[in-house]
Amino acid sequence: MTATTYYAETADRQLSEAQRILDRHITSSATGRCMECGTLGPCHKRENAVVIFSRTLRLPRRQPGVTRPELVGARRVCEPESSYGFG
């Protein structure tokens, strides 16, 4: 049981660090560059963080609007009313 607990603590630590990297290394919708390091995105740090999540079969937290889609003219689209008469 100790090994399992140790692994879980290590995995949680790695996931926390990977989340911090994903939160900082964001590919801009307008320029296509990483907003942290300026390289054409996604940068290698972000890609490495994504690998950590994929190996643990977990999903990172998302923050809507962080890529600043308004810079390329994107706008929120509301769902149209149902044309089937159910709502």
N, C-alpha and C. Protein backbone atom coordinates (compact mmCIF):
# COMPACT_ATOMS: atom_id res chain seq x y z
N MET A 1 0.81 -1.20 0.00
CA MET A 1 0.00 0.00 0.00
C MET A 1 0.85 1.27 0.00
N THR A 2 2.00 1.23 0.62
CA THR A 2 2.85 2.41 0.68
C THR A 2 3.27 2.84 -0.71
N ALA A 3 3.60 1.88 -1.57
CA ALA A 3 4.03 2.22 -2.93
C ALA A 3 2.90 2.91 -3.69
N THR A 4 1.67 2.45 -3.49
CA THR A 4 0.53 3.06 -4.16
C THR A 4 0.34 4.50 -3.69
N THR A 5 0.44 4.71 -2.39
CA THR A 5 0.31 6.06 -1.85
C THR A 5 1.42 6.95 -2.37
N TYR A 6 2.64 6.42 -2.41
CA TYR A 6 3.77 7.19 -2.92
C TYR A 6 3.55 7.55 -4.38
N TYR A 7 3.08 6.59 -5.17
CA TYR A 7 2.82 6.87 -6.57
C TYR A 7 1.75 7.94 -6.72
N ALA A 8 0.69 7.83 -5.93
CA ALA A 8 -0.40 8.81 -6.03
C ALA A 8 0.10 10.21 -5.69
N GLU A 9 0.94 10.32 -4.67
CA GLU A 9 1.48 11.63 -4.30
C GLU A 9 2.38 12.17 -5.41
N THR A 10 3.19 11.31 -5.99
CA THR A 10 4.07 11.72 -7.09
C THR A 10 3.24 12.14 -8.30
N ALA A 11 2.23 11.35 -8.63
CA ALA A 11 1.37 11.67 -9.78
C ALA A 11 0.64 12.99 -9.55
N ASP A 12 0.14 13.21 -8.34
CA ASP A 12 -0.55 14.47 -8.04
C ASP A 12 0.40 15.66 -8.17
N ARG A 13 1.63 15.48 -7.72
CA ARG A 13 2.62 16.56 -7.83
C ARG A 13 2.93 16.86 -9.30
N GLN A 14 3.09 15.80 -10.10
CA GLN A 14 3.37 15.99 -11.52
C GLN A 14 2.19 16.64 -12.23
N LEU A 15 0.97 16.23 -11.90
CA LEU A 15 -0.20 16.83 -12.52
C LEU A 15 -0.35 18.29 -12.14
N SER A 16 -0.05 18.62 -10.90
CA SER A 16 -0.14 20.02 -10.47
C SER A 16 0.85 20.89 -11.23
N GLU A 17 2.07 20.39 -11.39
CA GLU A 17 3.08 21.14 -12.13
C GLU A 17 2.69 21.24 -13.61
N ALA A 18 2.18 20.16 -14.17
CA ALA A 18 1.75 20.17 -15.57
C ALA A 18 0.62 21.18 -15.77
N GLN A 19 -0.30 21.27 -14.80
CA GLN A 19 -1.39 22.24 -14.91
C GLN A 19 -0.85 23.66 -14.87
N ARG A 20 0.13 23.92 -14.00
CA ARG A 20 0.73 25.26 -13.94
C ARG A 20 1.38 25.62 -15.28
N ILE A 21 2.04 24.65 -15.90
CA ILE A 21 2.67 24.89 -17.20
C ILE A 21 1.60 25.18 -18.26
N LEU A 22 0.53 24.39 -18.27
CA LEU A 22 -0.55 24.62 -19.24
C LEU A 22 -1.20 25.98 -19.04
N ASP A 23 -1.32 26.42 -17.80
CA ASP A 23 -1.93 27.71 -17.51
C ASP A 23 -1.07 28.88 -17.99
N ARG A 24 0.25 28.69 -18.05
CA ARG A 24 1.15 29.77 -18.48
C ARG A 24 1.47 29.71 -19.97
N HIS A 25 1.66 28.53 -20.50
CA HIS A 25 2.09 28.36 -21.90
C HIS A 25 0.87 28.13 -22.78
N ILE A 26 0.20 29.21 -23.12
CA ILE A 26 -1.04 29.19 -23.88
C ILE A 26 -0.75 29.68 -25.30
N THR A 27 -1.26 28.98 -26.29
CA THR A 27 -1.09 29.40 -27.67
C THR A 27 -2.15 30.43 -28.01
N SER A 28 -1.72 31.61 -28.41
CA SER A 28 -2.63 32.71 -28.74
C SER A 28 -3.42 32.40 -30.00
N SER A 29 -4.70 32.70 -29.98
CA SER A 29 -5.53 32.54 -31.17
C SER A 29 -5.13 33.53 -32.26
N ALA A 30 -4.64 34.68 -31.87
CA ALA A 30 -4.33 35.73 -32.84
C ALA A 30 -3.00 35.51 -33.54
N THR A 31 -1.97 35.12 -32.78
CA THR A 31 -0.62 35.03 -33.36
C THR A 31 -0.13 33.61 -33.58
N GLY A 32 -0.75 32.64 -32.89
CA GLY A 32 -0.27 31.26 -32.99
C GLY A 32 0.99 31.01 -32.18
N ARG A 33 1.37 31.98 -31.35
CA ARG A 33 2.58 31.86 -30.54
C ARG A 33 2.23 31.60 -29.09
N CYS A 34 3.15 30.95 -28.39
CA CYS A 34 2.99 30.74 -26.95
C CYS A 34 3.05 32.09 -26.27
N MET A 35 2.08 32.36 -25.40
CA MET A 35 2.01 33.66 -24.75
C MET A 35 3.07 33.81 -23.66
N GLU A 36 3.71 32.73 -23.24
CA GLU A 36 4.75 32.78 -22.21
C GLU A 36 6.14 32.90 -22.82
N CYS A 37 6.47 32.01 -23.77
CA CYS A 37 7.85 32.01 -24.28
C CYS A 37 7.97 32.56 -25.70
N GLY A 38 6.86 32.81 -26.39
CA GLY A 38 6.91 33.46 -27.69
C GLY A 38 7.21 32.57 -28.88
N THR A 39 7.42 31.29 -28.66
CA THR A 39 7.68 30.40 -29.80
C THR A 39 6.38 30.06 -30.49
N LEU A 40 6.46 29.64 -31.75
CA LEU A 40 5.25 29.20 -32.44
C LEU A 40 4.68 28.03 -31.67
N GLY A 41 3.42 28.13 -31.35
CA GLY A 41 2.83 27.17 -30.43
C GLY A 41 2.23 25.97 -31.12
N PRO A 42 1.91 25.00 -30.36
CA PRO A 42 2.20 24.87 -28.94
C PRO A 42 3.69 24.59 -28.72
N CYS A 43 4.23 25.21 -27.69
CA CYS A 43 5.65 25.08 -27.39
C CYS A 43 5.95 23.72 -26.77
N HIS A 44 7.24 23.39 -26.68
CA HIS A 44 7.64 22.08 -26.17
C HIS A 44 7.27 21.90 -24.69
N LYS A 45 7.27 22.97 -23.90
CA LYS A 45 6.89 22.83 -22.49
C LYS A 45 5.42 22.45 -22.38
N ARG A 46 4.58 23.07 -23.19
CA ARG A 46 3.15 22.73 -23.18
C ARG A 46 2.93 21.30 -23.65
N GLU A 47 3.62 20.91 -24.70
CA GLU A 47 3.48 19.55 -25.21
C GLU A 47 3.88 18.51 -24.16
N ASN A 48 4.96 18.78 -23.41
CA ASN A 48 5.38 17.86 -22.35
C ASN A 48 4.33 17.76 -21.26
N ALA A 49 3.70 18.88 -20.91
CA ALA A 49 2.65 18.88 -19.90
C ALA A 49 1.44 18.08 -20.37
N VAL A 50 1.12 18.18 -21.65
CA VAL A 50 -0.01 17.43 -22.21
C VAL A 50 0.27 15.93 -22.12
N VAL A 51 1.51 15.54 -22.34
CA VAL A 51 1.88 14.12 -22.25
C VAL A 51 1.64 13.59 -20.84
N ILE A 52 1.97 14.38 -19.83
CA ILE A 52 1.75 13.94 -18.45
C ILE A 52 0.27 13.67 -18.21
N PHE A 53 -0.59 14.54 -18.68
CA PHE A 53 -2.03 14.32 -18.52
C PHE A 53 -2.48 13.08 -19.30
N SER A 54 -1.98 12.89 -20.50
CA SER A 54 -2.42 11.74 -21.29
C SER A 54 -1.97 10.43 -20.67
N ARG A 55 -0.81 10.40 -20.05
CA ARG A 55 -0.33 9.16 -19.41
C ARG A 55 -1.14 8.80 -18.17
N THR A 56 -1.70 9.79 -17.52
CA THR A 56 -2.49 9.53 -16.30
C THR A 56 -3.98 9.42 -16.61
N LEU A 57 -4.34 9.57 -17.88
CA LEU A 57 -5.74 9.50 -18.33
C LEU A 57 -6.61 10.53 -17.60
N ARG A 58 -6.05 11.68 -17.37
CA ARG A 58 -6.77 12.79 -16.72
C ARG A 58 -6.85 13.95 -17.69
N LEU A 59 -7.80 14.84 -17.47
CA LEU A 59 -7.95 16.04 -18.30
C LEU A 59 -7.52 17.26 -17.51
N PRO A 60 -6.85 18.21 -18.15
CA PRO A 60 -6.48 19.45 -17.45
C PRO A 60 -7.71 20.34 -17.26
N ARG A 61 -7.62 21.25 -16.29
CA ARG A 61 -8.68 22.26 -16.11
C ARG A 61 -8.60 23.24 -17.27
N ARG A 62 -9.74 23.68 -17.73
CA ARG A 62 -9.80 24.65 -18.83
C ARG A 62 -10.25 25.99 -18.29
N GLN A 63 -9.76 27.05 -18.91
CA GLN A 63 -10.17 28.40 -18.56
C GLN A 63 -10.67 29.08 -19.83
N PRO A 64 -11.99 29.16 -20.00
CA PRO A 64 -12.55 29.74 -21.22
C PRO A 64 -12.05 31.16 -21.47
N GLY A 65 -11.70 31.43 -22.72
CA GLY A 65 -11.29 32.77 -23.13
C GLY A 65 -9.83 33.09 -22.92
N VAL A 66 -9.06 32.16 -22.37
CA VAL A 66 -7.67 32.47 -22.05
C VAL A 66 -6.80 32.65 -23.31
N THR A 67 -7.22 32.08 -24.43
CA THR A 67 -6.45 32.25 -25.67
C THR A 67 -6.79 33.55 -26.38
N ARG A 68 -7.71 34.32 -25.82
CA ARG A 68 -8.13 35.63 -26.32
C ARG A 68 -8.67 35.54 -27.75
N PRO A 69 -9.70 34.73 -27.96
CA PRO A 69 -10.26 34.56 -29.31
C PRO A 69 -10.83 35.84 -29.90
N GLU A 70 -11.14 36.82 -29.06
CA GLU A 70 -11.69 38.08 -29.59
C GLU A 70 -10.68 38.81 -30.47
N LEU A 71 -9.41 38.48 -30.34
CA LEU A 71 -8.38 39.12 -31.16
C LEU A 71 -8.48 38.72 -32.63
N VAL A 72 -9.13 37.61 -32.90
CA VAL A 72 -9.30 37.19 -34.29
C VAL A 72 -10.76 37.31 -34.73
N GLY A 73 -11.54 38.07 -33.95
CA GLY A 73 -12.92 38.33 -34.33
C GLY A 73 -13.91 37.26 -33.92
N ALA A 74 -13.49 36.31 -33.10
CA ALA A 74 -14.42 35.27 -32.65
C ALA A 74 -15.42 35.89 -31.68
N ARG A 75 -16.64 35.39 -31.74
CA ARG A 75 -17.66 35.88 -30.81
C ARG A 75 -18.49 34.70 -30.33
N ARG A 76 -19.10 34.89 -29.19
CA ARG A 76 -19.92 33.84 -28.61
C ARG A 76 -21.18 33.66 -29.44
N VAL A 77 -21.53 32.43 -29.70
CA VAL A 77 -22.72 32.12 -30.49
C VAL A 77 -23.71 31.42 -29.58
N CYS A 78 -24.91 31.96 -29.50
CA CYS A 78 -25.97 31.34 -28.70
C CYS A 78 -26.59 30.20 -29.49
N GLU A 79 -27.07 29.19 -28.77
CA GLU A 79 -27.74 28.09 -29.44
C GLU A 79 -29.08 28.57 -29.98
N PRO A 80 -29.41 28.21 -31.20
CA PRO A 80 -30.70 28.62 -31.76
C PRO A 80 -31.84 27.89 -31.06
N GLU A 81 -33.00 28.49 -31.08
CA GLU A 81 -34.16 27.82 -30.50
C GLU A 81 -34.47 26.59 -31.34
N SER A 82 -35.00 25.59 -30.66
CA SER A 82 -35.30 24.34 -31.32
C SER A 82 -36.37 24.54 -32.39
N SER A 83 -36.15 23.99 -33.56
CA SER A 83 -37.12 24.09 -34.64
C SER A 83 -38.10 22.92 -34.61
N TYR A 84 -37.95 22.04 -33.60
CA TYR A 84 -38.82 20.87 -33.49
C TYR A 84 -39.99 21.10 -32.56
N GLY A 85 -40.07 22.29 -31.95
CA GLY A 85 -41.19 22.61 -31.09
C GLY A 85 -41.11 22.00 -29.71
N PHE A 86 -39.92 21.57 -29.28
CA PHE A 86 -39.77 20.97 -27.95
C PHE A 86 -39.25 21.97 -26.93
N GLY A 87 -39.24 23.20 -27.15
CA GLY A 87 -38.71 24.09 -26.13
C GLY A 87 -38.69 25.45 -26.50
